[in-house]
Amino acid sequence: MVIKTELQLKLIDFRKSLDLNQTDFADSLGISQGAIANMEGGKRDVSKPVLLKIKEVYNVDLLSFGEE
């Protein structure tokens, strides 16, 4: 059983709130679909560069993703 971190859940919820699949979300951030799948699945940490790209592309506050 995989327990997702709060940051992973927020990433998934944010992507779904945009009504984007992993491929389209990854494309908008300039990363691979596999990277998004690994982050959402807990095989890879959600990195600060990815969070900064989300902030840049979607104009969101990083505090909503638990980052300061």
PDB file of N, CA and C in Angstrom:
ATOM      1  N   MET A   1       0.842  -1.182   0.000  1.00  0.00           N
ATOM      2  CA  MET A   1       0.000   0.000   0.000  1.00  0.00           C
ATOM      3  C   MET A   1       0.886   1.244   0.000  1.00  0.00           C
ATOM      4  N   VAL A   2       0.605   2.154  -0.892  1.00  0.00           N
ATOM      5  CA  VAL A   2       1.362   3.400  -0.988  1.00  0.00           C
ATOM      6  C   VAL A   2       0.569   4.507  -0.318  1.00  0.00           C
ATOM      7  N   ILE A   3       1.213   5.199   0.600  1.00  0.00           N
ATOM      8  CA  ILE A   3       0.583   6.344   1.248  1.00  0.00           C
ATOM      9  C   ILE A   3       1.147   7.601   0.602  1.00  0.00           C
ATOM     10  N   LYS A   4       0.291   8.388   0.026  1.00  0.00           N
ATOM     11  CA  LYS A   4       0.730   9.587  -0.673  1.00  0.00           C
ATOM     12  C   LYS A   4       0.953  10.727   0.309  1.00  0.00           C
ATOM     13  N   THR A   5       1.976  11.526   0.018  1.00  0.00           N
ATOM     14  CA  THR A   5       2.237  12.692   0.848  1.00  0.00           C
ATOM     15  C   THR A   5       1.232  13.785   0.518  1.00  0.00           C
ATOM     16  N   GLU A   6       1.160  14.753   1.396  1.00  0.00           N
ATOM     17  CA  GLU A   6       0.250  15.880   1.172  1.00  0.00           C
ATOM     18  C   GLU A   6       0.601  16.608  -0.123  1.00  0.00           C
ATOM     19  N   LEU A   7       1.899  16.753  -0.395  1.00  0.00           N
ATOM     20  CA  LEU A   7       2.329  17.445  -1.609  1.00  0.00           C
ATOM     21  C   LEU A   7       1.924  16.675  -2.860  1.00  0.00           C
ATOM     22  N   GLN A   8       2.051  15.363  -2.826  1.00  0.00           N
ATOM     23  CA  GLN A   8       1.613  14.554  -3.967  1.00  0.00           C
ATOM     24  C   GLN A   8       0.117  14.705  -4.200  1.00  0.00           C
ATOM     25  N   LEU A   9      -0.652  14.660  -3.128  1.00  0.00           N
ATOM     26  CA  LEU A   9      -2.104  14.798  -3.254  1.00  0.00           C
ATOM     27  C   LEU A   9      -2.477  16.169  -3.804  1.00  0.00           C
ATOM     28  N   LYS A  10      -1.766  17.204  -3.354  1.00  0.00           N
ATOM     29  CA  LYS A  10      -2.046  18.546  -3.864  1.00  0.00           C
ATOM     30  C   LYS A  10      -1.716  18.657  -5.346  1.00  0.00           C
ATOM     31  N   LEU A  11      -0.632  18.008  -5.766  1.00  0.00           N
ATOM     32  CA  LEU A  11      -0.270  18.016  -7.181  1.00  0.00           C
ATOM     33  C   LEU A  11      -1.356  17.349  -8.017  1.00  0.00           C
ATOM     34  N   ILE A  12      -1.807  16.200  -7.561  1.00  0.00           N
ATOM     35  CA  ILE A  12      -2.865  15.473  -8.273  1.00  0.00           C
ATOM     36  C   ILE A  12      -4.144  16.309  -8.319  1.00  0.00           C
ATOM     37  N   ASP A  13      -4.544  16.843  -7.176  1.00  0.00           N
ATOM     38  CA  ASP A  13      -5.766  17.654  -7.115  1.00  0.00           C
ATOM     39  C   ASP A  13      -5.662  18.875  -8.017  1.00  0.00           C
ATOM     40  N   PHE A  14      -4.494  19.519  -8.020  1.00  0.00           N
ATOM     41  CA  PHE A  14      -4.316  20.708  -8.855  1.00  0.00           C
ATOM     42  C   PHE A  14      -4.434  20.343 -10.330  1.00  0.00           C
ATOM     43  N   ARG A  15      -3.765  19.281 -10.750  1.00  0.00           N
ATOM     44  CA  ARG A  15      -3.827  18.858 -12.155  1.00  0.00           C
ATOM     45  C   ARG A  15      -5.264  18.541 -12.549  1.00  0.00           C
ATOM     46  N   LYS A  16      -5.950  17.811 -11.682  1.00  0.00           N
ATOM     47  CA  LYS A  16      -7.337  17.443 -11.993  1.00  0.00           C
ATOM     48  C   LYS A  16      -8.258  18.662 -11.991  1.00  0.00           C
ATOM     49  N   SER A  17      -7.961  19.664 -11.148  1.00  0.00           N
ATOM     50  CA  SER A  17      -8.782  20.879 -11.131  1.00  0.00           C
ATOM     51  C   SER A  17      -8.667  21.645 -12.446  1.00  0.00           C
ATOM     52  N   LEU A  18      -7.555  21.422 -13.142  1.00  0.00           N
ATOM     53  CA  LEU A  18      -7.360  22.042 -14.447  1.00  0.00           C
ATOM     54  C   LEU A  18      -7.966  21.201 -15.568  1.00  0.00           C
ATOM     55  N   ASP A  19      -8.490  20.032 -15.204  1.00  0.00           N
ATOM     56  CA  ASP A  19      -9.059  19.075 -16.149  1.00  0.00           C
ATOM     57  C   ASP A  19      -8.024  18.645 -17.187  1.00  0.00           C
ATOM     58  N   LEU A  20      -6.798  18.384 -16.686  1.00  0.00           N
ATOM     59  CA  LEU A  20      -5.716  17.945 -17.562  1.00  0.00           C
ATOM     60  C   LEU A  20      -5.305  16.524 -17.205  1.00  0.00           C
ATOM     61  N   ASN A  21      -4.978  15.757 -18.243  1.00  0.00           N
ATOM     62  CA  ASN A  21      -4.384  14.453 -17.983  1.00  0.00           C
ATOM     63  C   ASN A  21      -2.896  14.655 -17.716  1.00  0.00           C
ATOM     64  N   GLN A  22      -2.222  13.604 -17.308  1.00  0.00           N
ATOM     65  CA  GLN A  22      -0.808  13.728 -16.974  1.00  0.00           C
ATOM     66  C   GLN A  22       0.030  14.220 -18.158  1.00  0.00           C
ATOM     67  N   THR A  23      -0.283  13.747 -19.346  1.00  0.00           N
ATOM     68  CA  THR A  23       0.491  14.131 -20.531  1.00  0.00           C
ATOM     69  C   THR A  23       0.372  15.619 -20.810  1.00  0.00           C
ATOM     70  N   ASP A  24      -0.839  16.142 -20.807  1.00  0.00           N
ATOM     71  CA  ASP A  24      -1.033  17.566 -21.097  1.00  0.00           C
ATOM     72  C   ASP A  24      -0.440  18.446 -20.001  1.00  0.00           C
ATOM     73  N   PHE A  25      -0.564  18.019 -18.753  1.00  0.00           N
ATOM     74  CA  PHE A  25       0.009  18.771 -17.646  1.00  0.00           C
ATOM     75  C   PHE A  25       1.533  18.790 -17.764  1.00  0.00           C
ATOM     76  N   ALA A  26       2.118  17.636 -18.029  1.00  0.00           N
ATOM     77  CA  ALA A  26       3.568  17.546 -18.194  1.00  0.00           C
ATOM     78  C   ALA A  26       4.048  18.413 -19.351  1.00  0.00           C
ATOM     79  N   ASP A  27       3.345  18.359 -20.466  1.00  0.00           N
ATOM     80  CA  ASP A  27       3.717  19.178 -21.626  1.00  0.00           C
ATOM     81  C   ASP A  27       3.713  20.660 -21.278  1.00  0.00           C
ATOM     82  N   SER A  28       2.726  21.094 -20.507  1.00  0.00           N
ATOM     83  CA  SER A  28       2.641  22.514 -20.153  1.00  0.00           C
ATOM     84  C   SER A  28       3.810  22.946 -19.269  1.00  0.00           C
ATOM     85  N   LEU A  29       4.417  21.980 -18.581  1.00  0.00           N
ATOM     86  CA  LEU A  29       5.530  22.279 -17.687  1.00  0.00           C
ATOM     87  C   LEU A  29       6.888  21.964 -18.313  1.00  0.00           C
ATOM     88  N   GLY A  30       6.866  21.392 -19.517  1.00  0.00           N
ATOM     89  CA  GLY A  30       8.113  21.067 -20.203  1.00  0.00           C
ATOM     90  C   GLY A  30       8.836  19.864 -19.621  1.00  0.00           C
ATOM     91  N   ILE A  31       8.064  18.935 -19.031  1.00  0.00           N
ATOM     92  CA  ILE A  31       8.649  17.708 -18.501  1.00  0.00           C
ATOM     93  C   ILE A  31       7.887  16.521 -19.072  1.00  0.00           C
ATOM     94  N   SER A  32       8.369  15.327 -18.789  1.00  0.00           N
ATOM     95  CA  SER A  32       7.732  14.136 -19.356  1.00  0.00           C
ATOM     96  C   SER A  32       6.515  13.696 -18.544  1.00  0.00           C
ATOM     97  N   GLN A  33       5.643  12.974 -19.215  1.00  0.00           N
ATOM     98  CA  GLN A  33       4.485  12.399 -18.535  1.00  0.00           C
ATOM     99  C   GLN A  33       4.958  11.428 -17.465  1.00  0.00           C
ATOM    100  N   GLY A  34       6.023  10.719 -17.742  1.00  0.00           N
ATOM    101  CA  GLY A  34       6.569   9.772 -16.777  1.00  0.00           C
ATOM    102  C   GLY A  34       7.018  10.452 -15.491  1.00  0.00           C
ATOM    103  N   ALA A  35       7.572  11.653 -15.635  1.00  0.00           N
ATOM    104  CA  ALA A  35       8.000  12.406 -14.448  1.00  0.00           C
ATOM    105  C   ALA A  35       6.796  12.746 -13.578  1.00  0.00           C
ATOM    106  N   ILE A  36       5.715  13.193 -14.216  1.00  0.00           N
ATOM    107  CA  ILE A  36       4.490  13.506 -13.461  1.00  0.00           C
ATOM    108  C   ILE A  36       3.946  12.244 -12.811  1.00  0.00           C
ATOM    109  N   ALA A  37       3.901  11.151 -13.556  1.00  0.00           N
ATOM    110  CA  ALA A  37       3.395   9.891 -13.007  1.00  0.00           C
ATOM    111  C   ALA A  37       4.231   9.457 -11.810  1.00  0.00           C
ATOM    112  N   ASN A  38       5.543   9.597 -11.906  1.00  0.00           N
ATOM    113  CA  ASN A  38       6.420   9.211 -10.794  1.00  0.00           C
ATOM    114  C   ASN A  38       6.231  10.114  -9.582  1.00  0.00           C
ATOM    115  N   MET A  39       6.022  11.406  -9.813  1.00  0.00           N
ATOM    116  CA  MET A  39       5.779  12.328  -8.699  1.00  0.00           C
ATOM    117  C   MET A  39       4.444  12.027  -8.036  1.00  0.00           C
ATOM    118  N   GLU A  40       3.419  11.828  -8.844  1.00  0.00           N
ATOM    119  CA  GLU A  40       2.094  11.539  -8.297  1.00  0.00           C
ATOM    120  C   GLU A  40       2.056  10.176  -7.619  1.00  0.00           C
ATOM    121  N   GLY A  41       2.862   9.258  -8.089  1.00  0.00           N
ATOM    122  CA  GLY A  41       2.868   7.910  -7.541  1.00  0.00           C
ATOM    123  C   GLY A  41       3.837   7.694  -6.393  1.00  0.00           C
ATOM    124  N   GLY A  42       4.633   8.707  -6.080  1.00  0.00           N
ATOM    125  CA  GLY A  42       5.554   8.608  -4.961  1.00  0.00           C
ATOM    126  C   GLY A  42       6.898   7.991  -5.275  1.00  0.00           C
ATOM    127  N   LYS A  43       7.169   7.745  -6.545  1.00  0.00           N
ATOM    128  CA  LYS A  43       8.459   7.188  -6.928  1.00  0.00           C
ATOM    129  C   LYS A  43       9.522   8.270  -7.076  1.00  0.00           C
ATOM    130  N   ARG A  44       9.066   9.509  -7.096  1.00  0.00           N
ATOM    131  CA  ARG A  44       9.963  10.651  -7.261  1.00  0.00           C
ATOM    132  C   ARG A  44       9.378  11.803  -6.453  1.00  0.00           C
ATOM    133  N   ASP A  45      10.255  12.556  -5.789  1.00  0.00           N
ATOM    134  CA  ASP A  45       9.791  13.720  -5.042  1.00  0.00           C
ATOM    135  C   ASP A  45       9.317  14.810  -5.986  1.00  0.00           C
ATOM    136  N   VAL A  46       8.359  15.600  -5.532  1.00  0.00           N
ATOM    137  CA  VAL A  46       7.931  16.782  -6.273  1.00  0.00           C
ATOM    138  C   VAL A  46       9.015  17.823  -6.025  1.00  0.00           C
ATOM    139  N   SER A  47       9.782  18.140  -7.062  1.00  0.00           N
ATOM    140  CA  SER A  47      10.953  18.997  -6.903  1.00  0.00           C
ATOM    141  C   SER A  47      10.600  20.476  -6.892  1.00  0.00           C
ATOM    142  N   LYS A  48      11.494  21.252  -6.291  1.00  0.00           N
ATOM    143  CA  LYS A  48      11.291  22.701  -6.268  1.00  0.00           C
ATOM    144  C   LYS A  48      11.252  23.289  -7.675  1.00  0.00           C
ATOM    145  N   PRO A  49      12.131  22.831  -8.614  1.00  0.00           N
ATOM    146  CA  PRO A  49      12.028  23.373  -9.976  1.00  0.00           C
ATOM    147  C   PRO A  49      10.651  23.140 -10.615  1.00  0.00           C
ATOM    148  N   VAL A  50      10.051  21.994 -10.332  1.00  0.00           N
ATOM    149  CA  VAL A  50       8.709  21.716 -10.877  1.00  0.00           C
ATOM    150  C   VAL A  50       7.688  22.638 -10.222  1.00  0.00           C
ATOM    151  N   LEU A  51       7.791  22.823  -8.917  1.00  0.00           N
ATOM    152  CA  LEU A  51       6.876  23.731  -8.229  1.00  0.00           C
ATOM    153  C   LEU A  51       7.018  25.160  -8.755  1.00  0.00           C
ATOM    154  N   LEU A  52       8.245  25.589  -9.002  1.00  0.00           N
ATOM    155  CA  LEU A  52       8.461  26.937  -9.541  1.00  0.00           C
ATOM    156  C   LEU A  52       7.884  27.065 -10.949  1.00  0.00           C
ATOM    157  N   LYS A  53       7.976  26.006 -11.735  1.00  0.00           N
ATOM    158  CA  LYS A  53       7.406  26.028 -13.089  1.00  0.00           C
ATOM    159  C   LYS A  53       5.876  26.094 -13.014  1.00  0.00           C
ATOM    160  N   ILE A  54       5.279  25.372 -12.064  1.00  0.00           N
ATOM    161  CA  ILE A  54       3.825  25.438 -11.876  1.00  0.00           C
ATOM    162  C   ILE A  54       3.435  26.866 -11.512  1.00  0.00           C
ATOM    163  N   LYS A  55       4.200  27.476 -10.618  1.00  0.00           N
ATOM    164  CA  LYS A  55       3.929  28.867 -10.229  1.00  0.00           C
ATOM    165  C   LYS A  55       3.982  29.787 -11.439  1.00  0.00           C
ATOM    166  N   GLU A  56       5.004  29.599 -12.260  1.00  0.00           N
ATOM    167  CA  GLU A  56       5.196  30.451 -13.446  1.00  0.00           C
ATOM    168  C   GLU A  56       4.086  30.252 -14.481  1.00  0.00           C
ATOM    169  N   VAL A  57       3.793  29.011 -14.787  1.00  0.00           N
ATOM    170  CA  VAL A  57       2.829  28.705 -15.855  1.00  0.00           C
ATOM    171  C   VAL A  57       1.390  28.988 -15.432  1.00  0.00           C
ATOM    172  N   TYR A  58       1.057  28.637 -14.189  1.00  0.00           N
ATOM    173  CA  TYR A  58      -0.338  28.714 -13.750  1.00  0.00           C
ATOM    174  C   TYR A  58      -0.613  29.841 -12.763  1.00  0.00           C
ATOM    175  N   ASN A  59       0.411  30.621 -12.452  1.00  0.00           N
ATOM    176  CA  ASN A  59       0.262  31.783 -11.585  1.00  0.00           C
ATOM    177  C   ASN A  59      -0.431  31.426 -10.268  1.00  0.00           C
ATOM    178  N   VAL A  60       0.112  30.406  -9.600  1.00  0.00           N
ATOM    179  CA  VAL A  60      -0.434  29.979  -8.318  1.00  0.00           C
ATOM    180  C   VAL A  60       0.575  30.257  -7.206  1.00  0.00           C
ATOM    181  N   ASP A  61       0.061  30.404  -6.010  1.00  0.00           N
ATOM    182  CA  ASP A  61       0.881  30.624  -4.832  1.00  0.00           C
ATOM    183  C   ASP A  61       1.466  29.288  -4.381  1.00  0.00           C
ATOM    184  N   LEU A  62       2.779  29.232  -4.231  1.00  0.00           N
ATOM    185  CA  LEU A  62       3.409  27.987  -3.817  1.00  0.00           C
ATOM    186  C   LEU A  62       3.005  27.567  -2.411  1.00  0.00           C
ATOM    187  N   LEU A  63       2.518  28.493  -1.612  1.00  0.00           N
ATOM    188  CA  LEU A  63       2.048  28.116  -0.274  1.00  0.00           C
ATOM    189  C   LEU A  63       0.885  27.140  -0.367  1.00  0.00           C
ATOM    190  N   SER A  64       0.146  27.212  -1.462  1.00  0.00           N
ATOM    191  CA  SER A  64      -0.952  26.268  -1.630  1.00  0.00           C
ATOM    192  C   SER A  64      -0.443  24.847  -1.874  1.00  0.00           C
ATOM    193  N   PHE A  65       0.847  24.751  -2.227  1.00  0.00           N
ATOM    194  CA  PHE A  65       1.469  23.453  -2.409  1.00  0.00           C
ATOM    195  C   PHE A  65       2.356  23.083  -1.224  1.00  0.00           C
ATOM    196  N   GLY A  66       2.286  23.869  -0.143  1.00  0.00           N
ATOM    197  CA  GLY A  66       3.033  23.537   1.061  1.00  0.00           C
ATOM    198  C   GLY A  66       4.484  23.966   1.033  1.00  0.00           C
ATOM    199  N   GLU A  67       4.852  24.822   0.086  1.00  0.00           N
ATOM    200  CA  GLU A  67       6.216  25.312  -0.009  1.00  0.00           C
ATOM    201  C   GLU A  67       6.285  26.757   0.417  1.00  0.00           C
ATOM    202  N   GLU A  68       7.391  27.133   1.025  1.00  0.00           N
ATOM    203  CA  GLU A  68       7.558  28.537   1.435  1.00  0.00           C
ATOM    204  C   GLU A  68       8.681  29.165   0.650  1.00  0.00           C
TER     205      GLU A  68
END
